[in-house]
Amino acid sequence: MKMQRRRFLQASLGTAGLLAVGGNLALPPLMAAAAGKLEIFSWWTSPGEVEALDALYAAFRTAYPDVEVVNAALAGGAGPGGNMKAVLQTRLLAGQPPDSFQVHLGHELTDSSVKAGEMEPIDFLYQSEGWNSLFPDQLLSISQAQGHQWAVPVNIHRSNVLWFNKGVISGTGMSLPTTFHEFFAMGDVLKAQGIPLMALGESVPFHTAHVFENVLLGVLGAEGYKGLWSAVTPFSDPGVTESLATLDRMIGFANRDYLSIDSTGAIDLVIAGRAASIIDGDWTNGYLKSKKFADFGYTPSPQTQGVYNALADSFGLPKDTVDRDNAIAWLKICGSVAGQDAFNPLKGSIPARIDGGQGPGYDSYQRAAIADFKSNIIVPSTVHGFSAKQSFVTDFVNILNTFAVNRDIAATQTSLVQAAQVAGFA
């Protein structure tokens, strides 16, 4: 039986995909006569994401070959997963949920669908699969609400990464910047060469907010940044003013068409050498690999060395789902070594399991990120739903989108103060 499963996995993933999971077929036990359908909602439709999701589906099909997987991925919309989240909410309100759906671990789920009573707790899976000892404590504490676990993380992403074109950076003759002062000094050199220091894509509201959360982290430090979401650091703080001024200066070094392209288009500028760098999460790693672009490097975004701005994609169990048994089987695969080591090498992220990441499919960035996650100060991403509920994230993204247009520091800070008050952070 084990050999049959290995052959099926190789047929599904190919030799490279099998190596990506290290040939590890420690899959959850097969359910008796598993059949029917499994409908999965996600917003994974871009290069790197598609391949990773397909590999996760292949791992599921290996264990449950008679279940039809319905990939209901939906692209587009403001913020991460905007359109998918809108359709999902309509279905949840109508009592017609998909079997499972992608959601950022943390407040994005617990302050929305969990509070609304739309999810089942999955403590029974944490017990049966041993996840309480196999996921890091940092994730377990954030994913818990009302005394229960509600989702299984399939990965860990890092938000605060400066990705750069090695050829463009080497052309400046300068060392990699670690401070904003050094970053802008490099920008002056690049401007003389006619090359933007930083790629930005804000045609769809998101990327400016993503950059700004990491500017806040760099200016305020880890504790000051975390204090924003616990009412310790007010959004009226001078450090927030300084962060907005820093962001404003960054935009002055960005590509002029940043309001006409999205964040994926911004990565393409770096690939083409038409911009030197981009501050983005490590899904960029998956995108660059899918584009077969190898002349890139990475370093923490300015002034965030030793800090890991984290987020995690996860899946939960909606109430009243049609294919509950298949949904439970899916969650087991998402939390397994085989599932995570199939998915993450292609996604660019690292496994959530502490015993994952041993396969040969992981690249040098991912191995460095695994080490950093164990040693760095961990802070929760805001734009990606770790530290704040969805309503605040939406406000945060829209406020920063407006800032990208008008560059009004005072008005933007006032809006942030008001949004924090509404969200209960002040």
Protein backbone atom coordinates (compact mmCIF):
# COMPACT_ATOMS: atom_id res chain seq x y z
CA MET A 1 0.00 0.00 0.00
CA LYS A 2 2.82 2.40 0.87
CA MET A 3 4.49 1.75 -2.49
CA GLN A 4 1.18 2.36 -4.30
CA ARG A 5 0.82 5.69 -2.54
CA ARG A 6 4.41 6.63 -3.46
CA ARG A 7 3.74 5.83 -7.14
CA PHE A 8 0.53 7.84 -7.09
CA LEU A 9 2.31 10.83 -5.55
CA GLN A 10 5.08 10.67 -8.13
CA ALA A 11 2.49 10.50 -10.91
CA SER A 12 0.70 13.52 -9.45
CA LEU A 13 3.72 15.67 -8.54
CA GLY A 14 6.44 14.39 -10.84
CA THR A 15 9.94 13.61 -9.65
CA ALA A 16 10.65 17.22 -8.62
CA GLY A 17 7.46 17.41 -6.62
CA LEU A 18 8.22 14.12 -4.92
CA LEU A 19 11.65 15.42 -3.98
CA ALA A 20 10.02 18.62 -2.69
CA VAL A 21 8.27 16.56 -0.06
CA GLY A 22 11.43 14.59 0.54
CA GLY A 23 9.75 11.38 -0.54
CA ASN A 24 8.03 11.57 2.86
CA LEU A 25 4.67 9.83 2.72
CA ALA A 26 3.75 10.17 6.36
CA LEU A 27 0.21 11.01 5.36
CA PRO A 28 -2.77 10.72 7.71
CA PRO A 29 -4.59 7.37 7.64
CA LEU A 30 -7.04 6.90 4.80
CA MET A 31 -10.70 7.30 5.71
CA ALA A 32 -12.94 4.36 4.95
CA ALA A 33 -14.58 4.71 1.53
CA ALA A 34 -13.74 8.42 1.27
CA ALA A 35 -15.60 9.77 -1.76
CA GLY A 36 -17.68 12.72 -2.87
CA LYS A 37 -16.40 16.27 -3.28
CA LEU A 38 -14.16 18.74 -1.49
CA GLU A 39 -14.68 22.42 -2.33
CA ILE A 40 -11.80 24.69 -1.27
CA PHE A 41 -11.94 28.50 -1.37
CA SER A 42 -8.68 30.47 -1.68
CA TRP A 43 -7.20 33.53 -3.37
CA TRP A 44 -4.17 31.62 -4.65
CA THR A 45 -4.23 32.33 -8.39
CA SER A 46 -0.80 33.92 -9.07
CA PRO A 47 2.39 32.20 -10.26
CA GLY A 48 4.00 30.39 -7.35
CA GLU A 49 0.67 30.19 -5.52
CA VAL A 50 -0.99 28.04 -8.16
CA GLU A 51 1.82 25.52 -8.27
CA ALA A 52 1.95 25.31 -4.47
CA LEU A 53 -1.79 24.79 -4.15
CA ASP A 54 -1.71 22.13 -6.86
CA ALA A 55 1.02 20.30 -4.92
CA LEU A 56 -1.12 20.39 -1.77
CA TYR A 57 -4.09 19.06 -3.73
CA ALA A 58 -1.87 16.29 -5.11
CA ALA A 59 -0.88 15.29 -1.58
CA PHE A 60 -4.58 15.14 -0.68
CA ARG A 61 -5.45 13.06 -3.73
CA THR A 62 -2.69 10.63 -2.81
CA ALA A 63 -4.42 9.83 0.45
CA TYR A 64 -8.01 10.23 -0.82
CA PRO A 65 -7.99 9.39 -4.55
CA ASP A 66 -11.77 8.97 -4.79
CA VAL A 67 -12.59 12.49 -3.58
CA GLU A 68 -13.15 15.11 -6.29
CA VAL A 69 -11.32 18.33 -5.39
CA VAL A 70 -13.15 21.48 -6.47
CA ASN A 71 -10.70 24.39 -6.63
CA ALA A 72 -12.83 27.50 -6.07
CA ALA A 73 -9.92 29.96 -6.04
CA LEU A 74 -10.90 33.54 -6.85
CA ALA A 75 -8.53 36.40 -7.68
CA GLY A 76 -8.80 40.16 -7.41
CA GLY A 77 -10.13 42.78 -5.04
CA ALA A 78 -8.60 45.20 -2.56
CA GLY A 79 -6.29 43.74 0.06
CA PRO A 80 -5.27 40.09 0.32
CA GLY A 81 -8.11 37.91 -0.96
CA GLY A 82 -10.55 40.79 -1.39
CA ASN A 83 -12.92 39.22 -3.91
CA MET A 84 -12.72 35.75 -2.39
CA LYS A 85 -13.51 37.10 1.08
CA ALA A 86 -16.55 38.96 -0.25
CA VAL A 87 -17.98 35.86 -1.95
CA LEU A 88 -17.12 33.74 1.07
CA GLN A 89 -18.96 36.06 3.44
CA THR A 90 -22.07 35.90 1.24
CA ARG A 91 -21.98 32.11 1.32
CA LEU A 92 -21.39 31.94 5.06
CA LEU A 93 -24.30 34.30 5.74
CA ALA A 94 -26.50 32.16 3.50
CA GLY A 95 -25.52 28.99 5.36
CA GLN A 96 -23.83 27.57 2.25
CA PRO A 97 -20.13 27.44 3.18
CA PRO A 98 -17.41 25.77 1.12
CA ASP A 99 -15.89 22.71 2.75
CA SER A 100 -12.90 24.78 3.87
CA PHE A 101 -11.35 28.12 3.00
CA GLN A 102 -8.02 29.90 3.16
CA VAL A 103 -7.82 32.48 5.94
CA HIS A 104 -4.98 34.23 7.71
CA LEU A 105 -4.35 32.74 11.12
CA GLY A 106 -5.23 35.06 13.99
CA HIS A 107 -7.74 37.87 14.33
CA GLU A 108 -8.82 37.75 10.68
CA LEU A 109 -10.59 34.48 11.52
CA THR A 110 -11.27 34.68 15.25
CA ASP A 111 -12.78 38.18 15.20
CA SER A 112 -15.01 37.42 12.22
CA SER A 113 -16.26 33.93 11.41
CA VAL A 114 -15.50 32.52 14.86
CA LYS A 115 -17.31 35.31 16.69
CA ALA A 116 -20.19 34.98 14.24
CA GLY A 117 -20.55 31.30 15.16
CA GLU A 118 -19.77 30.15 11.61
CA MET A 119 -16.91 27.78 12.48
CA GLU A 120 -16.44 24.50 14.34
CA PRO A 121 -13.58 24.25 16.85
CA ILE A 122 -11.00 21.68 15.79
CA ASP A 123 -9.44 20.81 19.15
CA PHE A 124 -10.14 17.15 18.33
CA LEU A 125 -7.73 17.37 15.38
CA TYR A 126 -5.04 19.08 17.43
CA GLN A 127 -5.32 16.16 19.84
CA SER A 128 -5.50 13.32 17.30
CA GLU A 129 -2.72 14.72 15.07
CA GLY A 130 -0.47 15.87 17.91
CA TRP A 131 -0.42 19.45 16.65
CA ASN A 132 -0.26 20.98 20.12
CA SER A 133 3.36 19.86 20.29
CA LEU A 134 4.17 20.14 16.57
CA PHE A 135 3.25 23.80 15.93
CA PRO A 136 5.26 26.67 17.53
CA ASP A 137 3.84 28.18 20.68
CA GLN A 138 3.76 31.60 18.96
CA LEU A 139 1.23 30.27 16.45
CA LEU A 140 -0.83 28.30 18.96
CA SER A 141 -1.32 31.33 21.19
CA ILE A 142 -2.45 33.52 18.29
CA SER A 143 -4.72 30.96 16.67
CA GLN A 144 -6.58 30.20 19.89
CA ALA A 145 -9.81 31.98 20.82
CA GLN A 146 -12.56 31.25 23.34
CA GLY A 147 -10.39 28.44 24.67
CA HIS A 148 -10.37 26.54 21.37
CA GLN A 149 -8.34 26.08 18.19
CA TRP A 150 -10.17 27.01 14.99
CA ALA A 151 -7.73 26.54 12.10
CA VAL A 152 -4.63 24.63 11.05
CA PRO A 153 -1.71 26.70 9.68
CA VAL A 154 -0.22 25.35 6.47
CA ASN A 155 2.76 27.73 6.44
CA ILE A 156 4.48 30.76 7.92
CA HIS A 157 5.20 33.81 5.77
CA ARG A 158 7.49 36.75 6.51
CA SER A 159 6.29 40.26 5.69
CA ASN A 160 9.46 42.32 6.26
CA VAL A 161 11.71 41.28 3.38
CA LEU A 162 13.59 43.57 1.00
CA TRP A 163 13.96 41.64 -2.26
CA PHE A 164 16.47 43.06 -4.73
CA ASN A 165 17.95 42.62 -8.17
CA LYS A 166 21.57 41.67 -7.55
CA GLY A 167 22.81 43.17 -10.79
CA VAL A 168 21.18 46.54 -10.16
CA ILE A 169 22.38 46.74 -6.56
CA SER A 170 25.93 45.76 -7.45
CA GLY A 171 25.94 48.58 -9.98
CA THR A 172 25.72 51.10 -7.16
CA GLY A 173 28.96 49.91 -5.56
CA MET A 174 27.27 50.16 -2.17
CA SER A 175 26.64 47.66 0.62
CA LEU A 176 23.15 46.41 1.33
CA PRO A 177 21.22 49.03 3.29
CA THR A 178 20.28 48.22 6.88
CA THR A 179 18.88 51.62 7.88
CA PHE A 180 16.52 54.05 6.20
CA HIS A 181 19.40 56.53 5.91
CA GLU A 182 21.46 53.97 3.96
CA PHE A 183 18.42 52.99 1.91
CA PHE A 184 17.80 56.56 0.78
CA ALA A 185 21.50 57.13 0.11
CA MET A 186 21.35 54.20 -2.30
CA GLY A 187 18.23 55.76 -3.78
CA ASP A 188 20.15 58.92 -4.61
CA VAL A 189 22.81 56.91 -6.45
CA LEU A 190 20.19 54.95 -8.37
CA LYS A 191 18.23 58.08 -9.24
CA ALA A 192 21.33 59.40 -11.00
CA GLN A 193 21.24 56.17 -13.04
CA GLY A 194 17.56 56.59 -13.84
CA ILE A 195 16.50 53.54 -11.79
CA PRO A 196 13.85 53.62 -9.04
CA LEU A 197 15.11 52.48 -5.66
CA MET A 198 11.87 50.71 -4.80
CA ALA A 199 9.10 49.12 -6.84
CA LEU A 200 5.58 49.86 -5.66
CA GLY A 201 2.24 48.70 -7.08
CA GLU A 202 -0.93 50.32 -5.76
CA SER A 203 -3.46 50.09 -8.61
CA VAL A 204 -5.26 47.66 -6.28
CA PRO A 205 -5.17 48.86 -2.64
CA PHE A 206 -2.68 46.75 -0.68
CA HIS A 207 1.00 47.22 -1.36
CA THR A 208 1.45 50.65 0.24
CA ALA A 209 -0.13 49.33 3.44
CA HIS A 210 2.18 46.31 3.36
CA VAL A 211 5.24 48.54 3.00
CA PHE A 212 3.97 50.87 5.72
CA GLU A 213 3.54 48.16 8.35
CA ASN A 214 7.22 47.39 7.92
CA VAL A 215 8.18 51.06 8.03
CA LEU A 216 6.28 51.25 11.33
CA LEU A 217 8.21 48.21 12.53
CA GLY A 218 11.52 49.79 11.53
CA VAL A 219 10.78 53.16 13.16
CA LEU A 220 8.97 52.01 16.32
CA GLY A 221 10.86 48.78 16.97
CA ALA A 222 9.25 45.46 17.82
CA GLU A 223 7.66 46.49 21.12
CA GLY A 224 6.44 49.85 19.85
CA TYR A 225 4.97 48.19 16.79
CA LYS A 226 3.18 45.51 18.81
CA GLY A 227 1.87 48.26 21.08
CA LEU A 228 -0.17 49.72 18.21
CA TRP A 229 -2.52 46.74 18.40
CA SER A 230 -2.78 46.66 22.20
CA ALA A 231 -3.47 50.37 22.87
CA VAL A 232 0.04 50.85 24.32
CA THR A 233 1.35 52.85 21.34
CA PRO A 234 -1.26 55.38 20.15
CA PHE A 235 -1.51 56.12 16.45
CA SER A 236 -1.01 59.76 17.41
CA ASP A 237 2.54 58.84 18.50
CA PRO A 238 5.36 60.91 16.93
CA GLY A 239 6.85 57.62 15.73
CA VAL A 240 3.80 57.12 13.50
CA THR A 241 4.31 60.64 12.12
CA GLU A 242 7.95 59.80 11.41
CA SER A 243 6.88 56.54 9.76
CA LEU A 244 4.50 58.36 7.42
CA ALA A 245 7.24 60.86 6.54
CA THR A 246 9.60 57.95 5.84
CA LEU A 247 6.99 56.27 3.64
CA ASP A 248 6.44 59.55 1.79
CA ARG A 249 10.15 59.75 1.05
CA MET A 250 10.13 56.11 -0.10
CA ILE A 251 7.35 56.82 -2.58
CA GLY A 252 9.50 59.64 -3.95
CA PHE A 253 12.09 56.99 -4.88
CA ALA A 254 9.51 54.57 -6.37
CA ASN A 255 8.47 53.95 -9.97
CA ARG A 256 6.33 56.82 -11.21
CA ASP A 257 3.56 54.55 -12.44
CA TYR A 258 2.95 52.96 -9.00
CA LEU A 259 -0.74 53.94 -9.10
CA SER A 260 -1.18 52.12 -12.42
CA ILE A 261 0.32 48.70 -11.59
CA ASP A 262 -0.34 46.13 -8.87
CA SER A 263 2.15 44.52 -6.50
CA THR A 264 2.81 41.65 -8.92
CA GLY A 265 3.63 44.15 -11.64
CA ALA A 266 6.01 45.79 -9.19
CA ILE A 267 7.89 42.49 -8.75
CA ASP A 268 8.14 42.28 -12.54
CA LEU A 269 9.95 45.65 -12.52
CA VAL A 270 12.60 44.20 -10.22
CA ILE A 271 12.96 41.12 -12.43
CA ALA A 272 13.43 43.34 -15.48
CA GLY A 273 16.00 45.56 -13.73
CA ARG A 274 13.68 48.55 -14.02
CA ALA A 275 13.63 48.89 -10.23
CA ALA A 276 16.23 47.88 -7.68
CA SER A 277 14.15 46.39 -4.89
CA ILE A 278 10.74 45.73 -3.41
CA ILE A 279 9.50 45.39 0.16
CA ASP A 280 7.16 42.43 0.05
CA GLY A 281 6.40 39.13 1.75
CA ASP A 282 8.16 35.90 0.93
CA TRP A 283 5.42 34.80 -1.45
CA THR A 284 7.70 36.90 -3.69
CA ASN A 285 10.18 34.03 -3.37
CA GLY A 286 7.64 31.65 -4.88
CA TYR A 287 6.80 34.14 -7.64
CA LEU A 288 10.46 34.69 -8.56
CA LYS A 289 11.07 30.94 -8.71
CA SER A 290 7.99 30.42 -10.86
CA LYS A 291 9.38 33.05 -13.25
CA LYS A 292 12.76 31.25 -13.20
CA PHE A 293 14.53 34.45 -12.13
CA ALA A 294 17.57 33.61 -10.04
CA ASP A 295 19.56 36.87 -9.90
CA PHE A 296 17.85 38.11 -6.75
CA GLY A 297 18.83 38.58 -3.14
CA TYR A 298 17.01 39.27 0.08
CA THR A 299 17.55 40.99 3.42
CA PRO A 300 15.26 42.27 6.18
CA SER A 301 13.57 45.56 5.31
CA PRO A 302 15.39 48.60 6.75
CA GLN A 303 15.81 48.68 10.53
CA THR A 304 14.01 45.36 11.12
CA GLN A 305 17.02 43.06 11.51
CA GLY A 306 16.35 40.38 14.12
CA VAL A 307 12.58 40.79 13.88
CA TYR A 308 10.26 38.44 12.00
CA ASN A 309 6.98 40.07 10.93
CA ALA A 310 4.91 36.91 10.65
CA LEU A 311 1.66 35.72 9.14
CA ALA A 312 0.28 32.30 8.37
CA ASP A 313 -2.20 30.91 5.89
CA SER A 314 -4.60 28.43 7.43
CA PHE A 315 -7.76 26.40 6.84
CA GLY A 316 -10.66 25.79 9.20
CA LEU A 317 -13.89 23.81 9.42
CA PRO A 318 -17.07 25.78 8.65
CA LYS A 319 -20.30 24.76 10.34
CA ASP A 320 -22.88 22.95 8.20
CA THR A 321 -20.42 22.13 5.44
CA VAL A 322 -21.80 19.51 3.03
CA ASP A 323 -18.68 17.33 2.94
CA ARG A 324 -17.59 17.49 6.58
CA ASP A 325 -15.61 14.23 6.57
CA ASN A 326 -13.69 15.31 3.49
CA ALA A 327 -13.06 18.72 5.04
CA ILE A 328 -11.57 17.02 8.10
CA ALA A 329 -9.40 14.88 5.83
CA TRP A 330 -8.24 18.06 4.06
CA LEU A 331 -7.26 19.68 7.36
CA LYS A 332 -5.24 16.60 8.29
CA ILE A 333 -3.29 16.87 5.03
CA CYS A 334 -2.76 20.64 5.52
CA GLY A 335 -1.23 19.95 8.93
CA SER A 336 0.86 16.95 7.88
CA VAL A 337 4.58 16.90 7.08
CA ALA A 338 3.84 15.59 3.58
CA GLY A 339 1.30 18.35 2.90
CA GLN A 340 3.46 21.18 4.24
CA ASP A 341 6.63 19.92 2.56
CA ALA A 342 4.80 19.68 -0.76
CA PHE A 343 3.26 23.13 -0.50
CA ASN A 344 5.89 25.42 1.01
CA PRO A 345 8.92 24.88 -1.27
CA LEU A 346 6.81 26.18 -4.15
CA LYS A 347 4.96 28.88 -2.17
CA GLY A 348 8.21 30.44 -0.94
CA SER A 349 7.16 30.20 2.72
CA ILE A 350 8.29 27.90 5.51
CA PRO A 351 6.35 25.07 7.17
CA ALA A 352 4.35 25.77 10.31
CA ARG A 353 5.34 22.40 11.76
CA ILE A 354 8.53 22.43 13.79
CA ASP A 355 9.52 19.09 12.23
CA GLY A 356 8.93 20.29 8.65
CA GLY A 357 11.40 21.78 6.22
CA GLN A 358 13.76 18.81 6.07
CA GLY A 359 13.21 17.96 2.40
CA PRO A 360 15.58 18.94 -0.42
CA GLY A 361 12.96 21.18 -2.05
CA TYR A 362 13.64 24.10 0.29
CA ASP A 363 15.95 26.82 -1.01
CA SER A 364 18.58 28.92 0.75
CA TYR A 365 16.11 31.68 1.59
CA GLN A 366 13.68 29.26 3.20
CA ARG A 367 16.38 27.55 5.25
CA ALA A 368 17.54 30.96 6.48
CA ALA A 369 13.94 31.91 7.28
CA ILE A 370 13.43 28.69 9.26
CA ALA A 371 16.46 29.59 11.36
CA ASP A 372 15.34 33.21 11.74
CA PHE A 373 11.88 32.21 12.90
CA LYS A 374 13.45 30.21 15.71
CA SER A 375 15.80 33.01 16.82
CA ASN A 376 14.14 36.34 15.92
CA ILE A 377 11.60 38.42 17.82
CA ILE A 378 8.22 37.46 16.33
CA VAL A 379 5.67 40.21 15.68
CA PRO A 380 2.26 39.81 14.01
CA SER A 381 1.48 41.26 10.59
CA THR A 382 -1.46 43.65 10.45
CA VAL A 383 -2.19 43.77 6.72
CA HIS A 384 -2.37 39.98 6.75
CA GLY A 385 -4.78 39.61 9.62
CA PHE A 386 -2.51 38.32 12.39
CA SER A 387 -2.77 41.29 14.76
CA ALA A 388 -6.08 42.90 13.85
CA LYS A 389 -9.61 42.09 12.81
CA GLN A 390 -10.66 42.36 9.17
CA SER A 391 -12.58 45.63 9.58
CA PHE A 392 -9.45 47.43 10.80
CA VAL A 393 -7.30 45.80 8.12
CA THR A 394 -9.73 47.08 5.47
CA ASP A 395 -9.58 50.60 6.94
CA PHE A 396 -5.77 50.44 7.20
CA VAL A 397 -5.37 49.35 3.57
CA ASN A 398 -7.78 52.01 2.28
CA ILE A 399 -6.22 54.79 4.37
CA LEU A 400 -2.77 53.97 3.01
CA ASN A 401 -4.14 53.75 -0.51
CA THR A 402 -5.43 57.30 -0.10
CA PHE A 403 -2.02 58.34 1.23
CA ALA A 404 -0.38 56.88 -1.89
CA VAL A 405 -2.52 59.27 -3.91
CA ASN A 406 -2.40 62.50 -1.88
CA ARG A 407 0.75 62.05 0.32
CA ASP A 408 -0.98 63.99 3.13
CA ILE A 409 0.79 62.97 6.35
CA ALA A 410 -1.41 64.87 8.82
CA ALA A 411 -4.72 63.75 7.31
CA THR A 412 -3.52 60.15 7.09
CA GLN A 413 -2.46 60.07 10.73
CA THR A 414 -5.83 61.50 11.77
CA SER A 415 -7.58 58.76 9.80
CA LEU A 416 -5.40 56.09 11.43
CA VAL A 417 -6.23 57.44 14.90
CA GLN A 418 -9.94 57.32 14.09
CA ALA A 419 -9.72 53.77 12.66
CA ALA A 420 -7.88 52.60 15.79
CA GLN A 421 -10.61 54.11 17.98
CA VAL A 422 -13.33 52.32 16.01
CA ALA A 423 -11.37 49.03 16.24
CA GLY A 424 -10.88 49.42 20.00
CA PHE A 425 -7.10 49.89 19.88
CA ALA A 426 -7.31 53.29 21.58
